[in-house]
N, C-alpha and C. Protein backbone atom coordinates (compact mmCIF):
# COMPACT_ATOMS: atom_id res chain seq x y z
N UNK A 1 11.07 -5.46 -3.89
CA UNK A 1 9.92 -4.80 -4.44
C UNK A 1 8.67 -5.36 -3.77
N UNK A 2 7.79 -4.47 -3.38
CA UNK A 2 6.52 -4.92 -2.81
C UNK A 2 5.62 -5.44 -3.92
N UNK A 3 4.90 -6.50 -3.59
CA UNK A 3 3.94 -7.07 -4.52
C UNK A 3 2.61 -7.23 -3.80
N UNK A 4 1.54 -7.09 -4.55
CA UNK A 4 0.20 -7.22 -3.98
C UNK A 4 -0.63 -8.12 -4.87
N UNK A 5 -1.55 -8.81 -4.25
CA UNK A 5 -2.55 -9.54 -5.00
C UNK A 5 -3.82 -9.55 -4.17
N UNK A 6 -4.92 -9.85 -4.81
CA UNK A 6 -6.19 -9.93 -4.10
C UNK A 6 -6.81 -11.29 -4.35
N UNK A 7 -7.67 -11.67 -3.45
CA UNK A 7 -8.44 -12.90 -3.64
C UNK A 7 -9.80 -12.71 -2.98
N UNK A 8 -10.80 -13.24 -3.64
CA UNK A 8 -12.16 -13.17 -3.10
C UNK A 8 -12.36 -14.27 -2.07
N UNK A 9 -13.02 -13.92 -0.98
CA UNK A 9 -13.37 -14.88 0.06
C UNK A 9 -14.86 -14.70 0.37
N UNK A 10 -15.46 -15.63 1.10
CA UNK A 10 -16.88 -15.47 1.46
C UNK A 10 -17.12 -14.22 2.31
N UNK A 11 -16.07 -13.66 2.92
CA UNK A 11 -16.21 -12.48 3.78
C UNK A 11 -15.75 -11.19 3.12
N UNK A 12 -15.41 -11.24 1.86
CA UNK A 12 -14.95 -10.05 1.16
C UNK A 12 -13.58 -10.29 0.53
N UNK A 13 -13.12 -9.32 -0.20
CA UNK A 13 -11.84 -9.45 -0.90
C UNK A 13 -10.68 -9.20 0.05
N UNK A 14 -9.72 -10.14 0.02
CA UNK A 14 -8.49 -10.00 0.80
C UNK A 14 -7.40 -9.39 -0.07
N UNK A 15 -6.57 -8.57 0.54
CA UNK A 15 -5.40 -8.00 -0.11
C UNK A 15 -4.18 -8.61 0.56
N UNK A 16 -3.32 -9.23 -0.24
CA UNK A 16 -2.09 -9.82 0.27
C UNK A 16 -0.92 -8.98 -0.20
N UNK A 17 -0.01 -8.67 0.70
CA UNK A 17 1.18 -7.90 0.38
C UNK A 17 2.39 -8.76 0.68
N UNK A 18 3.39 -8.66 -0.16
CA UNK A 18 4.60 -9.43 0.06
C UNK A 18 5.79 -8.82 -0.64
N UNK A 19 6.87 -9.58 -0.61
CA UNK A 19 8.09 -9.12 -1.27
C UNK A 19 8.42 -9.98 -2.48
N UNK A 20 7.44 -10.67 -2.99
CA UNK A 20 7.63 -11.52 -4.15
C UNK A 20 7.80 -12.98 -3.80
N UNK A 21 8.31 -13.26 -2.60
CA UNK A 21 8.51 -14.65 -2.21
C UNK A 21 7.77 -15.02 -0.93
N UNK A 22 7.37 -14.03 -0.16
CA UNK A 22 6.65 -14.34 1.08
C UNK A 22 5.63 -13.25 1.37
N UNK A 23 4.57 -13.63 2.03
CA UNK A 23 3.51 -12.70 2.41
C UNK A 23 3.92 -12.01 3.69
N UNK A 24 3.77 -10.67 3.71
CA UNK A 24 4.12 -9.93 4.92
C UNK A 24 2.90 -9.27 5.57
N UNK A 25 1.78 -9.16 4.84
CA UNK A 25 0.57 -8.59 5.42
C UNK A 25 -0.65 -9.05 4.65
N UNK A 26 -1.76 -9.22 5.37
CA UNK A 26 -3.04 -9.59 4.77
C UNK A 26 -4.11 -8.72 5.43
N UNK A 27 -4.99 -8.16 4.61
CA UNK A 27 -6.08 -7.35 5.15
C UNK A 27 -7.27 -7.40 4.22
N UNK A 28 -8.43 -6.99 4.73
CA UNK A 28 -9.63 -6.96 3.89
C UNK A 28 -9.68 -5.65 3.12
N UNK A 29 -10.08 -5.74 1.86
CA UNK A 29 -10.23 -4.56 1.01
C UNK A 29 -11.46 -3.79 1.44
N UNK A 30 -11.35 -2.48 1.43
CA UNK A 30 -12.50 -1.61 1.67
C UNK A 30 -12.82 -0.92 0.36
N UNK A 31 -13.87 -1.35 -0.34
CA UNK A 31 -14.16 -0.79 -1.66
C UNK A 31 -14.55 0.69 -1.63
N UNK A 32 -14.82 1.23 -0.45
CA UNK A 32 -15.17 2.65 -0.36
C UNK A 32 -13.97 3.53 0.00
N UNK A 33 -12.85 2.93 0.33
CA UNK A 33 -11.67 3.70 0.74
C UNK A 33 -11.07 4.45 -0.45
N UNK A 34 -10.54 5.60 -0.16
CA UNK A 34 -9.79 6.39 -1.15
C UNK A 34 -10.60 6.72 -2.40
N UNK A 35 -11.87 7.06 -2.20
CA UNK A 35 -12.76 7.31 -3.33
C UNK A 35 -12.22 8.38 -4.27
N UNK A 36 -11.70 9.48 -3.74
CA UNK A 36 -11.19 10.56 -4.59
C UNK A 36 -9.96 10.11 -5.36
N UNK A 37 -9.06 9.39 -4.71
CA UNK A 37 -7.86 8.88 -5.39
C UNK A 37 -8.26 7.91 -6.49
N UNK A 38 -9.19 7.03 -6.21
CA UNK A 38 -9.63 6.06 -7.21
C UNK A 38 -10.26 6.76 -8.41
N UNK A 39 -11.05 7.79 -8.14
CA UNK A 39 -11.70 8.54 -9.21
C UNK A 39 -10.66 9.22 -10.10
N UNK A 40 -9.70 9.90 -9.47
CA UNK A 40 -8.69 10.61 -10.24
C UNK A 40 -7.79 9.64 -11.02
N UNK A 41 -7.43 8.52 -10.43
CA UNK A 41 -6.63 7.53 -11.14
C UNK A 41 -7.41 6.95 -12.33
N UNK A 42 -8.70 6.71 -12.15
CA UNK A 42 -9.53 6.22 -13.26
C UNK A 42 -9.56 7.24 -14.39
N UNK A 43 -9.68 8.51 -14.04
CA UNK A 43 -9.68 9.57 -15.06
C UNK A 43 -8.34 9.63 -15.78
N UNK A 44 -7.25 9.47 -15.06
CA UNK A 44 -5.92 9.46 -15.67
C UNK A 44 -5.80 8.31 -16.67
N UNK A 45 -6.16 7.11 -16.26
CA UNK A 45 -6.04 5.95 -17.14
C UNK A 45 -7.00 6.03 -18.34
N UNK A 46 -8.07 6.80 -18.21
CA UNK A 46 -8.99 7.01 -19.34
C UNK A 46 -8.48 8.12 -20.26
N UNK A 47 -7.39 8.78 -19.88
CA UNK A 47 -6.84 9.86 -20.68
C UNK A 47 -7.47 11.21 -20.42
N UNK A 48 -8.26 11.32 -19.35
CA UNK A 48 -8.98 12.56 -19.06
C UNK A 48 -8.35 13.40 -17.95
N UNK A 49 -7.23 12.98 -17.39
CA UNK A 49 -6.60 13.71 -16.29
C UNK A 49 -5.10 13.69 -16.49
N UNK A 50 -4.46 14.85 -16.20
CA UNK A 50 -3.01 14.96 -16.38
C UNK A 50 -2.26 15.21 -15.08
N UNK A 51 -2.98 15.49 -14.01
CA UNK A 51 -2.33 15.68 -12.71
C UNK A 51 -3.31 15.24 -11.62
N UNK A 52 -2.78 15.16 -10.41
CA UNK A 52 -3.57 14.65 -9.28
C UNK A 52 -3.56 15.68 -8.17
N UNK A 53 -4.68 15.75 -7.43
CA UNK A 53 -4.72 16.67 -6.30
C UNK A 53 -5.38 16.06 -5.06
N UNK A 54 -5.49 14.74 -5.03
CA UNK A 54 -6.02 14.11 -3.81
C UNK A 54 -4.92 14.08 -2.75
N UNK A 55 -5.30 14.02 -1.47
CA UNK A 55 -4.30 13.99 -0.40
C UNK A 55 -3.45 12.72 -0.48
N UNK A 56 -2.15 12.88 -0.51
CA UNK A 56 -1.22 11.76 -0.52
C UNK A 56 0.02 12.19 0.25
N UNK A 57 0.60 11.26 0.95
CA UNK A 57 1.80 11.57 1.72
C UNK A 57 2.74 10.38 1.69
N UNK A 58 4.00 10.69 1.46
CA UNK A 58 5.03 9.66 1.50
C UNK A 58 6.16 10.18 2.38
N UNK A 59 6.67 9.31 3.22
CA UNK A 59 7.78 9.70 4.09
C UNK A 59 9.01 10.00 3.27
N UNK A 60 10.09 9.36 3.60
CA UNK A 60 11.32 9.53 2.85
C UNK A 60 12.31 10.42 3.55
N UNK A 61 13.55 10.25 3.17
CA UNK A 61 14.64 11.06 3.73
C UNK A 61 14.57 12.45 3.11
N UNK A 62 15.28 13.42 3.70
CA UNK A 62 15.31 14.75 3.07
C UNK A 62 15.81 14.69 1.62
N UNK A 63 16.81 13.85 1.34
CA UNK A 63 17.31 13.73 -0.03
C UNK A 63 16.24 13.17 -0.95
N UNK A 64 15.54 12.12 -0.52
CA UNK A 64 14.45 11.56 -1.33
C UNK A 64 13.38 12.61 -1.57
N UNK A 65 13.03 13.35 -0.55
CA UNK A 65 12.01 14.40 -0.68
C UNK A 65 12.43 15.43 -1.74
N UNK A 66 13.71 15.79 -1.76
CA UNK A 66 14.22 16.74 -2.76
C UNK A 66 14.09 16.17 -4.17
N UNK A 67 14.49 14.92 -4.33
CA UNK A 67 14.39 14.27 -5.64
C UNK A 67 12.93 14.16 -6.05
N UNK A 68 12.08 13.71 -5.14
CA UNK A 68 10.66 13.53 -5.46
C UNK A 68 9.99 14.85 -5.83
N UNK A 69 10.38 15.93 -5.17
CA UNK A 69 9.81 17.24 -5.50
C UNK A 69 10.15 17.60 -6.95
N UNK A 70 11.38 17.29 -7.38
CA UNK A 70 11.78 17.54 -8.77
C UNK A 70 11.01 16.63 -9.72
N UNK A 71 10.80 15.38 -9.34
CA UNK A 71 10.03 14.45 -10.17
C UNK A 71 8.60 14.95 -10.33
N UNK A 72 8.04 15.49 -9.26
CA UNK A 72 6.67 16.01 -9.32
C UNK A 72 6.52 17.13 -10.35
N UNK A 73 7.60 17.80 -10.70
CA UNK A 73 7.56 18.93 -11.64
C UNK A 73 7.66 18.50 -13.11
N UNK A 74 7.91 17.22 -13.37
CA UNK A 74 8.04 16.76 -14.76
C UNK A 74 6.65 16.76 -15.39
N UNK A 75 6.49 17.52 -16.43
CA UNK A 75 5.17 17.71 -17.05
C UNK A 75 4.65 16.44 -17.71
N UNK A 76 3.36 16.29 -17.69
CA UNK A 76 2.65 15.21 -18.37
C UNK A 76 3.08 15.19 -19.83
N UNK A 77 3.33 14.00 -20.35
CA UNK A 77 3.67 13.86 -21.75
C UNK A 77 5.12 14.17 -22.10
N UNK A 78 5.95 14.40 -21.07
CA UNK A 78 7.36 14.69 -21.31
C UNK A 78 8.21 13.72 -20.50
N UNK A 79 9.48 13.68 -20.82
CA UNK A 79 10.44 12.90 -20.04
C UNK A 79 11.66 13.75 -19.74
N UNK A 80 12.43 13.31 -18.78
CA UNK A 80 13.73 13.89 -18.49
C UNK A 80 14.67 12.74 -18.17
N UNK A 81 15.94 13.04 -18.08
CA UNK A 81 16.92 11.99 -17.77
C UNK A 81 17.34 12.10 -16.30
N UNK A 82 17.93 11.02 -15.82
CA UNK A 82 18.46 11.02 -14.45
C UNK A 82 19.49 12.12 -14.31
N UNK A 83 20.35 12.29 -15.31
CA UNK A 83 21.39 13.32 -15.27
C UNK A 83 20.83 14.73 -15.21
N UNK A 84 19.83 15.01 -16.05
CA UNK A 84 19.21 16.34 -16.03
C UNK A 84 18.50 16.59 -14.70
N UNK A 85 17.87 15.57 -14.16
CA UNK A 85 17.19 15.70 -12.88
C UNK A 85 18.21 15.99 -11.77
N UNK A 86 19.33 15.27 -11.79
CA UNK A 86 20.39 15.50 -10.80
C UNK A 86 20.91 16.93 -10.91
N UNK A 87 21.15 17.37 -12.13
CA UNK A 87 21.63 18.74 -12.36
C UNK A 87 20.63 19.76 -11.85
N UNK A 88 19.37 19.52 -12.12
CA UNK A 88 18.29 20.43 -11.72
C UNK A 88 18.28 20.66 -10.21
N UNK A 89 18.57 19.60 -9.43
CA UNK A 89 18.52 19.75 -7.97
C UNK A 89 19.91 19.97 -7.37
N UNK A 90 20.91 20.17 -8.24
CA UNK A 90 22.24 20.51 -7.76
C UNK A 90 23.04 19.34 -7.21
N UNK A 91 22.78 18.15 -7.73
CA UNK A 91 23.50 16.96 -7.28
C UNK A 91 24.64 16.70 -8.26
N UNK A 92 25.87 16.48 -7.77
CA UNK A 92 26.99 16.21 -8.67
C UNK A 92 26.79 14.93 -9.48
N UNK A 93 27.41 14.86 -10.65
CA UNK A 93 27.24 13.71 -11.56
C UNK A 93 27.60 12.39 -10.90
N UNK A 94 28.52 12.40 -9.96
CA UNK A 94 28.89 11.14 -9.31
C UNK A 94 27.83 10.65 -8.32
N UNK A 95 26.76 11.40 -8.16
CA UNK A 95 25.65 10.99 -7.27
C UNK A 95 24.39 10.64 -8.04
N UNK A 96 24.51 10.47 -9.37
CA UNK A 96 23.33 10.13 -10.17
C UNK A 96 22.71 8.82 -9.72
N UNK A 97 23.53 7.87 -9.30
CA UNK A 97 22.97 6.59 -8.81
C UNK A 97 22.11 6.82 -7.57
N UNK A 98 22.51 7.76 -6.72
CA UNK A 98 21.71 8.07 -5.53
C UNK A 98 20.37 8.68 -5.95
N UNK A 99 20.39 9.51 -6.99
CA UNK A 99 19.14 10.07 -7.52
C UNK A 99 18.26 8.92 -8.03
N UNK A 100 18.86 7.99 -8.77
CA UNK A 100 18.11 6.83 -9.27
C UNK A 100 17.53 6.00 -8.14
N UNK A 101 18.31 5.82 -7.07
CA UNK A 101 17.82 5.05 -5.92
C UNK A 101 16.63 5.75 -5.26
N UNK A 102 16.70 7.07 -5.16
CA UNK A 102 15.59 7.83 -4.57
C UNK A 102 14.35 7.71 -5.43
N UNK A 103 14.53 7.78 -6.74
CA UNK A 103 13.40 7.63 -7.65
C UNK A 103 12.81 6.23 -7.51
N UNK A 104 13.68 5.22 -7.40
CA UNK A 104 13.22 3.84 -7.25
C UNK A 104 12.50 3.57 -5.94
N UNK A 105 12.71 4.44 -4.95
CA UNK A 105 12.06 4.28 -3.65
C UNK A 105 10.71 5.01 -3.58
N UNK A 106 10.31 5.62 -4.67
CA UNK A 106 9.04 6.35 -4.73
C UNK A 106 7.87 5.42 -4.42
N UNK A 107 7.13 5.68 -3.33
CA UNK A 107 6.00 4.81 -3.00
C UNK A 107 4.68 5.22 -3.67
N UNK A 108 4.70 6.31 -4.43
CA UNK A 108 3.46 6.80 -5.04
C UNK A 108 3.51 6.67 -6.56
N UNK A 109 3.64 5.43 -7.03
CA UNK A 109 3.71 5.18 -8.47
C UNK A 109 2.53 5.82 -9.18
N UNK A 110 2.75 6.25 -10.39
CA UNK A 110 1.79 6.91 -11.26
C UNK A 110 1.55 8.35 -10.79
N UNK A 111 1.18 8.54 -9.55
CA UNK A 111 0.87 9.86 -9.02
C UNK A 111 2.12 10.73 -8.98
N UNK A 112 3.20 10.21 -8.43
CA UNK A 112 4.51 10.89 -8.51
C UNK A 112 5.17 10.28 -9.73
N UNK A 113 5.30 11.03 -10.82
CA UNK A 113 5.59 10.45 -12.14
C UNK A 113 7.04 10.04 -12.38
N UNK A 114 7.54 9.12 -11.58
CA UNK A 114 8.91 8.64 -11.77
C UNK A 114 9.06 7.89 -13.09
N UNK A 115 7.94 7.47 -13.68
CA UNK A 115 8.00 6.80 -14.99
C UNK A 115 8.47 7.76 -16.08
N UNK A 116 8.49 9.06 -15.81
CA UNK A 116 8.91 10.05 -16.80
C UNK A 116 10.42 10.28 -16.80
N UNK A 117 11.15 9.55 -15.97
CA UNK A 117 12.62 9.66 -15.94
C UNK A 117 13.20 8.49 -16.72
N UNK A 118 14.02 8.82 -17.72
CA UNK A 118 14.57 7.81 -18.62
C UNK A 118 16.09 7.90 -18.64
N UNK A 119 16.73 6.93 -19.26
CA UNK A 119 18.18 6.93 -19.41
C UNK A 119 18.63 8.04 -20.34
N UNK A 120 19.92 8.36 -20.30
CA UNK A 120 20.49 9.44 -21.11
C UNK A 120 20.24 9.22 -22.60
N UNK A 121 20.16 7.97 -23.03
CA UNK A 121 19.93 7.66 -24.44
C UNK A 121 18.44 7.47 -24.75
N UNK A 122 17.59 7.81 -23.79
CA UNK A 122 16.15 7.66 -23.98
C UNK A 122 15.61 6.29 -23.63
N UNK A 123 16.50 5.38 -23.20
CA UNK A 123 16.06 4.02 -22.87
C UNK A 123 15.24 4.02 -21.58
N UNK A 124 14.36 3.04 -21.50
CA UNK A 124 13.51 2.90 -20.31
C UNK A 124 14.27 2.05 -19.30
N UNK A 125 14.87 2.72 -18.36
CA UNK A 125 15.64 2.03 -17.33
C UNK A 125 14.83 1.98 -16.05
N UNK A 126 14.70 0.82 -15.49
CA UNK A 126 14.08 0.62 -14.19
C UNK A 126 12.74 1.31 -13.98
N UNK A 127 11.88 0.63 -13.28
CA UNK A 127 10.62 1.17 -12.81
C UNK A 127 10.07 0.14 -11.83
N UNK A 128 9.66 0.58 -10.66
CA UNK A 128 9.18 -0.34 -9.63
C UNK A 128 7.97 -1.14 -10.12
N UNK A 129 7.20 -0.58 -11.03
CA UNK A 129 6.05 -1.29 -11.58
C UNK A 129 6.39 -2.15 -12.78
N UNK A 130 7.66 -2.16 -13.18
CA UNK A 130 8.09 -2.93 -14.34
C UNK A 130 8.26 -2.04 -15.55
N UNK A 131 9.30 -2.29 -16.32
CA UNK A 131 9.60 -1.46 -17.49
C UNK A 131 8.46 -1.47 -18.51
N UNK A 132 7.76 -2.61 -18.62
CA UNK A 132 6.63 -2.68 -19.55
C UNK A 132 5.55 -1.67 -19.16
N UNK A 133 5.28 -1.55 -17.87
CA UNK A 133 4.28 -0.59 -17.41
C UNK A 133 4.77 0.84 -17.61
N UNK A 134 6.06 1.06 -17.42
CA UNK A 134 6.63 2.39 -17.66
C UNK A 134 6.37 2.78 -19.11
N UNK A 135 6.63 1.85 -20.03
CA UNK A 135 6.36 2.13 -21.44
C UNK A 135 4.88 2.42 -21.66
N UNK A 136 4.01 1.64 -21.06
CA UNK A 136 2.56 1.85 -21.22
C UNK A 136 2.13 3.22 -20.69
N UNK A 137 2.67 3.62 -19.53
CA UNK A 137 2.32 4.93 -18.97
C UNK A 137 2.79 6.06 -19.88
N UNK A 138 4.02 5.95 -20.40
CA UNK A 138 4.54 6.98 -21.29
C UNK A 138 3.77 7.00 -22.62
N UNK A 139 3.32 5.85 -23.07
CA UNK A 139 2.50 5.78 -24.28
C UNK A 139 1.15 6.44 -24.03
N UNK A 140 0.54 6.15 -22.88
CA UNK A 140 -0.73 6.77 -22.51
C UNK A 140 -0.61 8.29 -22.52
N UNK A 141 0.53 8.80 -22.05
CA UNK A 141 0.74 10.24 -21.97
C UNK A 141 1.22 10.85 -23.28
N UNK A 142 1.48 10.01 -24.29
CA UNK A 142 1.92 10.51 -25.57
C UNK A 142 3.41 10.80 -25.66
N UNK A 143 4.19 10.34 -24.68
CA UNK A 143 5.63 10.58 -24.67
C UNK A 143 6.40 9.47 -25.40
N UNK A 144 5.73 8.36 -25.72
CA UNK A 144 6.35 7.24 -26.45
C UNK A 144 5.35 6.74 -27.47
N UNK A 145 5.86 6.07 -28.47
CA UNK A 145 5.02 5.43 -29.46
C UNK A 145 4.66 4.03 -28.97
N UNK A 146 3.48 3.54 -29.29
CA UNK A 146 3.14 2.16 -28.93
C UNK A 146 4.12 1.18 -29.57
N UNK A 147 4.40 0.10 -28.88
CA UNK A 147 5.27 -0.94 -29.43
C UNK A 147 4.48 -1.81 -30.38
N UNK A 148 5.09 -2.08 -31.52
CA UNK A 148 4.46 -2.98 -32.48
C UNK A 148 4.94 -4.39 -32.19
N UNK A 149 4.04 -5.32 -32.25
CA UNK A 149 4.40 -6.71 -31.97
C UNK A 149 4.50 -7.48 -33.26
């Protein structure tokens, strides 16, 4: 899993990327980059936006692209299961793990709503951003109840 952190320096904020145990890239943050994406994401987290239309592109294999296109169709505030998603795109039940792997390889977290895919029993299984964040995103969208502590 890719991990990122930032740190302030006298020359500006640095962004560090790694795999959790080692740094693989370091670059300076550009606070003006991706203004439209940042605006739309801010609106989403404020509860004022339900979809995104800024330019975004992710590579992926043809199979991943097929799975991701189906994920893109999952409506705000709803969930589906890995099995239903596989059925929707015509993938046999013995390939559900491949569907899960494609969903897990989604590089556009939040924007491509892979957090809306849950286990057959409604459980929150896997999310590249962490299961806690998956719950928070679904709660923000009204698809889950807040957890009581």
